[in-house]
Amino acid sequence: RLVLAERLDIRDETDADRVHRVQDWGDADDVE
């Protein structure tokens, strides 16, 4: 999780919320 958080640039709650919005594997159209 620490490595993934760094790669996703998670620094605060706003960043975490951005990451948690992606919920469906069908929506994964890019690396992020």
Full PDB file with SEQRES, HELIX, SHEET, SSBOND, CRYST1, ORIGX, SCALE, CONECT and MASTER records, all heavy atoms in Angstrom:
SEQRES   1 A   32  ARG LEU VAL LEU ALA GLU ARG LEU ASP ILE ARG ASP GLU          
SEQRES   2 A   32  THR ASP ALA ASP ARG VAL HIS ARG VAL GLN ASP TRP GLY          
SEQRES   3 A   32  ASP ALA ASP ASP VAL GLU                                      
HELIX    1 AA1 LEU A    2  ARG A    7  1                                   6    
HELIX    2 AA2 GLU A   13  HIS A   20  1                                   8    
HELIX    3 AA3 TRP A   25  ASP A   27  5                                   3    
CRYST1    1.000    1.000    1.000  90.00  90.00  90.00 P 1           1          
ORIGX1      1.000000  0.000000  0.000000        0.00000                         
ORIGX2      0.000000  1.000000  0.000000        0.00000                         
ORIGX3      0.000000  0.000000  1.000000        0.00000                         
SCALE1      1.000000  0.000000  0.000000        0.00000                         
SCALE2      0.000000  1.000000  0.000000        0.00000                         
SCALE3      0.000000  0.000000  1.000000        0.00000                         
ATOM      1  N   ARG A   1       0.830  -1.213   0.000  1.00  0.00           N  
ATOM      2  CA  ARG A   1       0.000   0.000   0.000  1.00  0.00           C  
ATOM      3  C   ARG A   1       0.865   1.264   0.000  1.00  0.00           C  
ATOM      4  O   ARG A   1       0.536   2.240  -0.687  1.00  0.00           O  
ATOM      5  CB  ARG A   1      -0.928   0.027   1.211  1.00  0.00           C  
ATOM      6  CG  ARG A   1      -2.099  -0.919   1.075  1.00  0.00           C  
ATOM      7  CD  ARG A   1      -3.100  -0.777   2.211  1.00  0.00           C  
ATOM      8  NE  ARG A   1      -3.751   0.508   2.121  1.00  0.00           N  
ATOM      9  CZ  ARG A   1      -3.757   1.422   3.091  1.00  0.00           C  
ATOM     10  NH1 ARG A   1      -3.164   1.206   4.240  1.00  0.00           N  
ATOM     11  NH2 ARG A   1      -4.389   2.563   2.920  1.00  0.00           N  
ATOM     12  N   LEU A   2       1.957   1.263   0.745  1.00  0.00           N  
ATOM     13  CA  LEU A   2       2.840   2.432   0.768  1.00  0.00           C  
ATOM     14  C   LEU A   2       3.423   2.713  -0.613  1.00  0.00           C  
ATOM     15  O   LEU A   2       3.470   3.870  -1.051  1.00  0.00           O  
ATOM     16  CB  LEU A   2       3.966   2.241   1.790  1.00  0.00           C  
ATOM     17  CG  LEU A   2       3.578   2.346   3.248  1.00  0.00           C  
ATOM     18  CD1 LEU A   2       4.752   1.938   4.138  1.00  0.00           C  
ATOM     19  CD2 LEU A   2       3.094   3.746   3.590  1.00  0.00           C  
ATOM     20  N   VAL A   3       3.858   1.662  -1.292  1.00  0.00           N  
ATOM     21  CA  VAL A   3       4.417   1.838  -2.637  1.00  0.00           C  
ATOM     22  C   VAL A   3       3.340   2.340  -3.594  1.00  0.00           C  
ATOM     23  O   VAL A   3       3.556   3.297  -4.348  1.00  0.00           O  
ATOM     24  CB  VAL A   3       5.056   0.528  -3.151  1.00  0.00           C  
ATOM     25  CG1 VAL A   3       5.406   0.623  -4.632  1.00  0.00           C  
ATOM     26  CG2 VAL A   3       6.291   0.181  -2.324  1.00  0.00           C  
ATOM     27  N   LEU A   4       2.167   1.711  -3.567  1.00  0.00           N  
ATOM     28  CA  LEU A   4       1.079   2.150  -4.453  1.00  0.00           C  
ATOM     29  C   LEU A   4       0.651   3.579  -4.139  1.00  0.00           C  
ATOM     30  O   LEU A   4       0.387   4.367  -5.056  1.00  0.00           O  
ATOM     31  CB  LEU A   4      -0.113   1.196  -4.334  1.00  0.00           C  
ATOM     32  CG  LEU A   4       0.088  -0.203  -4.916  1.00  0.00           C  
ATOM     33  CD1 LEU A   4      -1.052  -1.124  -4.502  1.00  0.00           C  
ATOM     34  CD2 LEU A   4       0.234  -0.152  -6.429  1.00  0.00           C  
ATOM     35  N   ALA A   5       0.589   3.924  -2.859  1.00  0.00           N  
ATOM     36  CA  ALA A   5       0.201   5.293  -2.480  1.00  0.00           C  
ATOM     37  C   ALA A   5       1.193   6.307  -3.030  1.00  0.00           C  
ATOM     38  O   ALA A   5       0.798   7.380  -3.500  1.00  0.00           O  
ATOM     39  CB  ALA A   5       0.100   5.408  -0.963  1.00  0.00           C  
ATOM     40  N   GLU A   6       2.467   5.970  -2.993  1.00  0.00           N  
ATOM     41  CA  GLU A   6       3.471   6.888  -3.546  1.00  0.00           C  
ATOM     42  C   GLU A   6       3.324   6.997  -5.052  1.00  0.00           C  
ATOM     43  O   GLU A   6       3.379   8.091  -5.607  1.00  0.00           O  
ATOM     44  CB  GLU A   6       4.876   6.416  -3.176  1.00  0.00           C  
ATOM     45  CG  GLU A   6       5.960   7.354  -3.643  1.00  0.00           C  
ATOM     46  CD  GLU A   6       5.850   8.751  -3.056  1.00  0.00           C  
ATOM     47  OE1 GLU A   6       5.501   8.903  -1.869  1.00  0.00           O  
ATOM     48  OE2 GLU A   6       6.123   9.728  -3.806  1.00  0.00           O  
ATOM     49  N   ARG A   7       3.118   5.871  -5.727  1.00  0.00           N  
ATOM     50  CA  ARG A   7       2.968   5.892  -7.188  1.00  0.00           C  
ATOM     51  C   ARG A   7       1.708   6.657  -7.607  1.00  0.00           C  
ATOM     52  O   ARG A   7       1.669   7.266  -8.669  1.00  0.00           O  
ATOM     53  CB  ARG A   7       2.914   4.472  -7.746  1.00  0.00           C  
ATOM     54  CG  ARG A   7       4.149   3.633  -7.487  1.00  0.00           C  
ATOM     55  CD  ARG A   7       5.363   4.149  -8.202  1.00  0.00           C  
ATOM     56  NE  ARG A   7       6.476   3.214  -8.085  1.00  0.00           N  
ATOM     57  CZ  ARG A   7       7.682   3.538  -7.641  1.00  0.00           C  
ATOM     58  NH1 ARG A   7       7.941   4.781  -7.291  1.00  0.00           N  
ATOM     59  NH2 ARG A   7       8.633   2.640  -7.573  1.00  0.00           N  
ATOM     60  N   LEU A   8       0.681   6.637  -6.738  1.00  0.00           N  
ATOM     61  CA  LEU A   8      -0.576   7.347  -7.031  1.00  0.00           C  
ATOM     62  C   LEU A   8      -0.573   8.768  -6.479  1.00  0.00           C  
ATOM     63  O   LEU A   8      -1.568   9.483  -6.598  1.00  0.00           O  
ATOM     64  CB  LEU A   8      -1.762   6.569  -6.448  1.00  0.00           C  
ATOM     65  CG  LEU A   8      -2.097   5.271  -7.168  1.00  0.00           C  
ATOM     66  CD1 LEU A   8      -3.017   4.408  -6.313  1.00  0.00           C  
ATOM     67  CD2 LEU A   8      -2.741   5.583  -8.517  1.00  0.00           C  
ATOM     68  N   ASP A   9       0.514   9.157  -5.862  1.00  0.00           N  
ATOM     69  CA  ASP A   9       0.672  10.506  -5.309  1.00  0.00           C  
ATOM     70  C   ASP A   9      -0.404  10.830  -4.262  1.00  0.00           C  
ATOM     71  O   ASP A   9      -0.992  11.902  -4.268  1.00  0.00           O  
ATOM     72  CB  ASP A   9       0.667  11.543  -6.435  1.00  0.00           C  
ATOM     73  CG  ASP A   9       1.321  12.851  -6.010  1.00  0.00           C  
ATOM     74  OD1 ASP A   9       2.196  12.817  -5.127  1.00  0.00           O  
ATOM     75  OD2 ASP A   9       0.932  13.901  -6.552  1.00  0.00           O  
ATOM     76  N   ILE A  10      -0.657   9.875  -3.378  1.00  0.00           N  
ATOM     77  CA  ILE A  10      -1.624  10.090  -2.299  1.00  0.00           C  
ATOM     78  C   ILE A  10      -0.907  10.787  -1.148  1.00  0.00           C  
ATOM     79  O   ILE A  10       0.013  10.242  -0.561  1.00  0.00           O  
ATOM     80  CB  ILE A  10      -2.248   8.756  -1.824  1.00  0.00           C  
ATOM     81  CG1 ILE A  10      -3.010   8.091  -2.965  1.00  0.00           C  
ATOM     82  CG2 ILE A  10      -3.157   8.993  -0.620  1.00  0.00           C  
ATOM     83  CD1 ILE A  10      -3.533   6.714  -2.630  1.00  0.00           C  
ATOM     84  N   ARG A  11      -1.348  12.001  -0.853  1.00  0.00           N  
ATOM     85  CA  ARG A  11      -0.742  12.812   0.206  1.00  0.00           C  
ATOM     86  C   ARG A  11      -1.735  13.200   1.296  1.00  0.00           C  
ATOM     87  O   ARG A  11      -1.347  13.507   2.409  1.00  0.00           O  
ATOM     88  CB  ARG A  11      -0.133  14.091  -0.368  1.00  0.00           C  
ATOM     89  CG  ARG A  11       0.919  13.876  -1.400  1.00  0.00           C  
ATOM     90  CD  ARG A  11       2.242  13.466  -0.766  1.00  0.00           C  
ATOM     91  NE  ARG A  11       3.249  13.233  -1.783  1.00  0.00           N  
ATOM     92  CZ  ARG A  11       3.683  12.039  -2.142  1.00  0.00           C  
ATOM     93  NH1 ARG A  11       3.222  10.969  -1.569  1.00  0.00           N  
ATOM     94  NH2 ARG A  11       4.579  11.898  -3.073  1.00  0.00           N  
ATOM     95  N   ASP A  12      -3.032  13.225   0.918  1.00  0.00           N  
ATOM     96  CA  ASP A  12      -4.037  13.661   1.884  1.00  0.00           C  
ATOM     97  C   ASP A  12      -5.379  13.012   1.550  1.00  0.00           C  
ATOM     98  O   ASP A  12      -5.474  12.186   0.643  1.00  0.00           O  
ATOM     99  CB  ASP A  12      -4.146  15.194   1.905  1.00  0.00           C  
ATOM    100  CG  ASP A  12      -4.449  15.793   0.533  1.00  0.00           C  
ATOM    101  OD1 ASP A  12      -5.069  15.118  -0.315  1.00  0.00           O  
ATOM    102  OD2 ASP A  12      -4.073  16.953   0.306  1.00  0.00           O  
ATOM    103  N   GLU A  13      -6.407  13.388   2.297  1.00  0.00           N  
ATOM    104  CA  GLU A  13      -7.744  12.811   2.107  1.00  0.00           C  
ATOM    105  C   GLU A  13      -8.307  13.068   0.712  1.00  0.00           C  
ATOM    106  O   GLU A  13      -8.985  12.220   0.146  1.00  0.00           O  
ATOM    107  CB  GLU A  13      -8.713  13.359   3.164  1.00  0.00           C  
ATOM    108  CG  GLU A  13      -8.489  12.796   4.544  1.00  0.00           C  
ATOM    109  CD  GLU A  13      -8.734  11.298   4.603  1.00  0.00           C  
ATOM    110  OE1 GLU A  13      -9.720  10.801   4.015  1.00  0.00           O  
ATOM    111  OE2 GLU A  13      -7.922  10.614   5.249  1.00  0.00           O  
ATOM    112  N   THR A  14      -8.025  14.231   0.149  1.00  0.00           N  
ATOM    113  CA  THR A  14      -8.519  14.552  -1.195  1.00  0.00           C  
ATOM    114  C   THR A  14      -7.931  13.587  -2.217  1.00  0.00           C  
ATOM    115  O   THR A  14      -8.649  13.072  -3.086  1.00  0.00           O  
ATOM    116  CB  THR A  14      -8.162  16.000  -1.574  1.00  0.00           C  
ATOM    117  OG1 THR A  14      -8.689  16.879  -0.581  1.00  0.00           O  
ATOM    118  CG2 THR A  14      -8.710  16.370  -2.937  1.00  0.00           C  
ATOM    119  N   ASP A  15      -6.637  13.327  -2.093  1.00  0.00           N  
ATOM    120  CA  ASP A  15      -5.992  12.370  -2.998  1.00  0.00           C  
ATOM    121  C   ASP A  15      -6.568  10.969  -2.804  1.00  0.00           C  
ATOM    122  O   ASP A  15      -6.807  10.247  -3.772  1.00  0.00           O  
ATOM    123  CB  ASP A  15      -4.481  12.324  -2.748  1.00  0.00           C  
ATOM    124  CG  ASP A  15      -3.792  13.644  -3.038  1.00  0.00           C  
ATOM    125  OD1 ASP A  15      -4.298  14.414  -3.876  1.00  0.00           O  
ATOM    126  OD2 ASP A  15      -2.735  13.893  -2.417  1.00  0.00           O  
ATOM    127  N   ALA A  16      -6.788  10.593  -1.553  1.00  0.00           N  
ATOM    128  CA  ALA A  16      -7.351   9.266  -1.264  1.00  0.00           C  
ATOM    129  C   ALA A  16      -8.764   9.143  -1.840  1.00  0.00           C  
ATOM    130  O   ALA A  16      -9.123   8.108  -2.405  1.00  0.00           O  
ATOM    131  CB  ALA A  16      -7.354   9.015   0.237  1.00  0.00           C  
ATOM    132  N   ASP A  17      -9.558  10.202  -1.721  1.00  0.00           N  
ATOM    133  CA  ASP A  17     -10.912  10.186  -2.285  1.00  0.00           C  
ATOM    134  C   ASP A  17     -10.873  10.024  -3.800  1.00  0.00           C  
ATOM    135  O   ASP A  17     -11.694   9.306  -4.374  1.00  0.00           O  
ATOM    136  CB  ASP A  17     -11.661  11.473  -1.925  1.00  0.00           C  
ATOM    137  CG  ASP A  17     -12.047  11.535  -0.460  1.00  0.00           C  
ATOM    138  OD1 ASP A  17     -12.036  10.481   0.219  1.00  0.00           O  
ATOM    139  OD2 ASP A  17     -12.350  12.653   0.014  1.00  0.00           O  
ATOM    140  N   ARG A  18      -9.924  10.680  -4.445  1.00  0.00           N  
ATOM    141  CA  ARG A  18      -9.775  10.559  -5.900  1.00  0.00           C  
ATOM    142  C   ARG A  18      -9.509   9.102  -6.282  1.00  0.00           C  
ATOM    143  O   ARG A  18     -10.104   8.574  -7.219  1.00  0.00           O  
ATOM    144  CB  ARG A  18      -8.618  11.452  -6.371  1.00  0.00           C  
ATOM    145  CG  ARG A  18      -8.180  11.231  -7.805  1.00  0.00           C  
ATOM    146  CD  ARG A  18      -6.964  12.082  -8.190  1.00  0.00           C  
ATOM    147  NE  ARG A  18      -5.862  12.068  -7.260  1.00  0.00           N  
ATOM    148  CZ  ARG A  18      -4.898  11.128  -7.218  1.00  0.00           C  
ATOM    149  NH1 ARG A  18      -4.928  10.121  -8.074  1.00  0.00           N  
ATOM    150  NH2 ARG A  18      -3.922  11.199  -6.340  1.00  0.00           N  
ATOM    151  N   VAL A  19      -8.650   8.449  -5.530  1.00  0.00           N  
ATOM    152  CA  VAL A  19      -8.298   7.058  -5.810  1.00  0.00           C  
ATOM    153  C   VAL A  19      -9.482   6.134  -5.533  1.00  0.00           C  
ATOM    154  O   VAL A  19      -9.751   5.208  -6.293  1.00  0.00           O  
ATOM    155  CB  VAL A  19      -7.059   6.648  -4.979  1.00  0.00           C  
ATOM    156  CG1 VAL A  19      -6.838   5.155  -5.013  1.00  0.00           C  
ATOM    157  CG2 VAL A  19      -5.832   7.392  -5.498  1.00  0.00           C  
ATOM    158  N   HIS A  20     -10.217   6.394  -4.456  1.00  0.00           N  
ATOM    159  CA  HIS A  20     -11.333   5.523  -4.080  1.00  0.00           C  
ATOM    160  C   HIS A  20     -12.545   5.657  -5.012  1.00  0.00           C  
ATOM    161  O   HIS A  20     -13.417   4.798  -5.005  1.00  0.00           O  
ATOM    162  CB  HIS A  20     -11.750   5.775  -2.631  1.00  0.00           C  
ATOM    163  CG  HIS A  20     -10.748   5.273  -1.643  1.00  0.00           C  
ATOM    164  ND1 HIS A  20     -10.313   3.965  -1.615  1.00  0.00           N  
ATOM    165  CD2 HIS A  20     -10.071   5.914  -0.660  1.00  0.00           C  
ATOM    166  CE1 HIS A  20      -9.425   3.826  -0.654  1.00  0.00           C  
ATOM    167  NE2 HIS A  20      -9.242   4.985  -0.072  1.00  0.00           N  
ATOM    168  N   ARG A  21     -12.586   6.703  -5.812  1.00  0.00           N  
ATOM    169  CA  ARG A  21     -13.702   6.874  -6.757  1.00  0.00           C  
ATOM    170  C   ARG A  21     -13.681   5.832  -7.869  1.00  0.00           C  
ATOM    171  O   ARG A  21     -14.716   5.518  -8.441  1.00  0.00           O  
ATOM    172  CB  ARG A  21     -13.668   8.272  -7.379  1.00  0.00           C  
ATOM    173  CG  ARG A  21     -14.387   9.282  -6.528  1.00  0.00           C  
ATOM    174  CD  ARG A  21     -14.538  10.609  -7.237  1.00  0.00           C  
ATOM    175  NE  ARG A  21     -13.967  11.608  -6.343  1.00  0.00           N  
ATOM    176  CZ  ARG A  21     -13.024  12.467  -6.650  1.00  0.00           C  
ATOM    177  NH1 ARG A  21     -12.557  12.517  -7.867  1.00  0.00           N  
ATOM    178  NH2 ARG A  21     -12.551  13.295  -5.773  1.00  0.00           N  
ATOM    179  N   VAL A  22     -12.509   5.313  -8.195  1.00  0.00           N  
ATOM    180  CA  VAL A  22     -12.394   4.290  -9.238  1.00  0.00           C  
ATOM    181  C   VAL A  22     -12.835   2.971  -8.617  1.00  0.00           C  
ATOM    182  O   VAL A  22     -12.197   2.458  -7.706  1.00  0.00           O  
ATOM    183  CB  VAL A  22     -10.946   4.188  -9.772  1.00  0.00           C  
ATOM    184  CG1 VAL A  22     -10.867   3.155 -10.885  1.00  0.00           C  
ATOM    185  CG2 VAL A  22     -10.442   5.544 -10.239  1.00  0.00           C  
ATOM    186  N   GLN A  23     -13.943   2.413  -9.091  1.00  0.00           N  
ATOM    187  CA  GLN A  23     -14.541   1.236  -8.454  1.00  0.00           C  
ATOM    188  C   GLN A  23     -14.694   0.027  -9.372  1.00  0.00           C  
ATOM    189  O   GLN A  23     -14.871  -1.076  -8.893  1.00  0.00           O  
ATOM    190  CB  GLN A  23     -15.928   1.595  -7.900  1.00  0.00           C  
ATOM    191  CG  GLN A  23     -15.906   2.611  -6.798  1.00  0.00           C  
ATOM    192  CD  GLN A  23     -15.299   2.061  -5.528  1.00  0.00           C  
ATOM    193  OE1 GLN A  23     -15.507   0.910  -5.183  1.00  0.00           O  
ATOM    194  NE2 GLN A  23     -14.527   2.869  -4.841  1.00  0.00           N  
ATOM    195  N   ASP A  24     -14.643   0.210 -10.666  1.00  0.00           N  
ATOM    196  CA  ASP A  24     -14.959  -0.882 -11.586  1.00  0.00           C  
ATOM    197  C   ASP A  24     -13.758  -1.195 -12.473  1.00  0.00           C  
ATOM    198  O   ASP A  24     -13.178  -0.296 -13.091  1.00  0.00           O  
ATOM    199  CB  ASP A  24     -16.159  -0.469 -12.452  1.00  0.00           C  
ATOM    200  CG  ASP A  24     -16.702  -1.607 -13.277  1.00  0.00           C  
ATOM    201  OD1 ASP A  24     -15.980  -2.596 -13.496  1.00  0.00           O  
ATOM    202  OD2 ASP A  24     -17.865  -1.512 -13.703  1.00  0.00           O  
ATOM    203  N   TRP A  25     -13.393  -2.484 -12.537  1.00  0.00           N  
ATOM    204  CA  TRP A  25     -12.256  -2.893 -13.364  1.00  0.00           C  
ATOM    205  C   TRP A  25     -12.489  -2.549 -14.832  1.00  0.00           C  
ATOM    206  O   TRP A  25     -11.527  -2.321 -15.567  1.00  0.00           O  
ATOM    207  CB  TRP A  25     -11.983  -4.389 -13.205  1.00  0.00           C  
ATOM    208  CG  TRP A  25     -11.418  -4.714 -11.857  1.00  0.00           C  
ATOM    209  CD1 TRP A  25     -12.099  -5.178 -10.781  1.00  0.00           C  
ATOM    210  CD2 TRP A  25     -10.068  -4.558 -11.437  1.00  0.00           C  
ATOM    211  NE1 TRP A  25     -11.263  -5.327  -9.710  1.00  0.00           N  
ATOM    212  CE2 TRP A  25      -9.998  -4.962 -10.076  1.00  0.00           C  
ATOM    213  CE3 TRP A  25      -8.900  -4.128 -12.061  1.00  0.00           C  
ATOM    214  CZ2 TRP A  25      -8.815  -4.938  -9.350  1.00  0.00           C  
ATOM    215  CZ3 TRP A  25      -7.724  -4.118 -11.329  1.00  0.00           C  
ATOM    216  CH2 TRP A  25      -7.689  -4.515  -9.990  1.00  0.00           C  
ATOM    217  N   GLY A  26     -13.742  -2.479 -15.255  1.00  0.00           N  
ATOM    218  CA  GLY A  26     -14.047  -2.102 -16.626  1.00  0.00           C  
ATOM    219  C   GLY A  26     -13.712  -0.653 -16.927  1.00  0.00           C  
ATOM    220  O   GLY A  26     -13.545  -0.267 -18.076  1.00  0.00           O  
ATOM    221  N   ASP A  27     -13.610   0.160 -15.870  1.00  0.00           N  
ATOM    222  CA  ASP A  27     -13.279   1.577 -16.033  1.00  0.00           C  
ATOM    223  C   ASP A  27     -11.776   1.830 -16.051  1.00  0.00           C  
ATOM    224  O   ASP A  27     -11.346   2.963 -16.256  1.00  0.00           O  
ATOM    225  CB  ASP A  27     -13.886   2.405 -14.896  1.00  0.00           C  
ATOM    226  CG  ASP A  27     -15.401   2.402 -14.929  1.00  0.00           C  
ATOM    227  OD1 ASP A  27     -15.970   2.132 -16.011  1.00  0.00           O  
ATOM    228  OD2 ASP A  27     -16.011   2.656 -13.873  1.00  0.00           O  
ATOM    229  N   ALA A  28     -10.981   0.810 -15.827  1.00  0.00           N  
ATOM    230  CA  ALA A  28      -9.523   0.974 -15.776  1.00  0.00           C  
ATOM    231  C   ALA A  28      -8.982   1.073 -17.192  1.00  0.00           C  
ATOM    232  O   ALA A  28      -8.669   0.073 -17.825  1.00  0.00           O  
ATOM    233  CB  ALA A  28      -8.883  -0.177 -15.025  1.00  0.00           C  
ATOM    234  N   ASP A  29      -8.884   2.301 -17.680  1.00  0.00           N  
ATOM    235  CA  ASP A  29      -8.424   2.502 -19.045  1.00  0.00           C  
ATOM    236  C   ASP A  29      -7.036   3.142 -19.117  1.00  0.00           C  
ATOM    237  O   ASP A  29      -6.540   3.422 -20.194  1.00  0.00           O  
ATOM    238  CB  ASP A  29      -9.432   3.331 -19.831  1.00  0.00           C  
ATOM    239  CG  ASP A  29      -9.749   4.653 -19.158  1.00  0.00           C  
ATOM    240  OD1 ASP A  29      -9.152   4.963 -18.105  1.00  0.00           O  
ATOM    241  OD2 ASP A  29     -10.607   5.381 -19.683  1.00  0.00           O  
ATOM    242  N   ASP A  30      -6.418   3.376 -17.959  1.00  0.00           N  
ATOM    243  CA  ASP A  30      -5.058   3.891 -17.930  1.00  0.00           C  
ATOM    244  C   ASP A  30      -4.345   3.338 -16.693  1.00  0.00           C  
ATOM    245  O   ASP A  30      -4.949   2.676 -15.851  1.00  0.00           O  
ATOM    246  CB  ASP A  30      -5.038   5.417 -17.947  1.00  0.00           C  
ATOM    247  CG  ASP A  30      -5.769   6.042 -16.765  1.00  0.00           C  
ATOM    248  OD1 ASP A  30      -6.051   5.337 -15.773  1.00  0.00           O  
ATOM    249  OD2 ASP A  30      -6.055   7.244 -16.825  1.00  0.00           O  
ATOM    250  N   VAL A  31      -3.071   3.607 -16.596  1.00  0.00           N  
ATOM    251  CA  VAL A  31      -2.263   3.054 -15.508  1.00  0.00           C  
ATOM    252  C   VAL A  31      -2.762   3.545 -14.151  1.00  0.00           C  
ATOM    253  O   VAL A  31      -2.877   2.764 -13.203  1.00  0.00           O  
ATOM    254  CB  VAL A  31      -0.763   3.405 -15.705  1.00  0.00           C  
ATOM    255  CG1 VAL A  31       0.056   3.011 -14.494  1.00  0.00           C  
ATOM    256  CG2 VAL A  31      -0.216   2.742 -16.958  1.00  0.00           C  
ATOM    257  N   GLU A  32      -3.091   4.828 -14.059  1.00  0.00           N  
ATOM    258  CA  GLU A  32      -3.522   5.368 -12.762  1.00  0.00           C  
ATOM    259  C   GLU A  32      -4.822   4.735 -12.281  1.00  0.00           C  
ATOM    260  O   GLU A  32      -4.948   4.388 -11.104  1.00  0.00           O  
ATOM    261  CB  GLU A  32      -3.686   6.886 -12.813  1.00  0.00           C  
ATOM    262  CG  GLU A  32      -4.040   7.444 -11.447  1.00  0.00           C  
ATOM    263  CD  GLU A  32      -4.018   8.943 -11.366  1.00  0.00           C  
ATOM    264  OE1 GLU A  32      -3.344   9.600 -12.180  1.00  0.00           O  
ATOM    265  OE2 GLU A  32      -4.688   9.473 -10.460  1.00  0.00           O  
TER     266      GLU A  32                                                      
MASTER        0    0    0    3    0    0    0    6  265    1    0    3          
END                                                                             
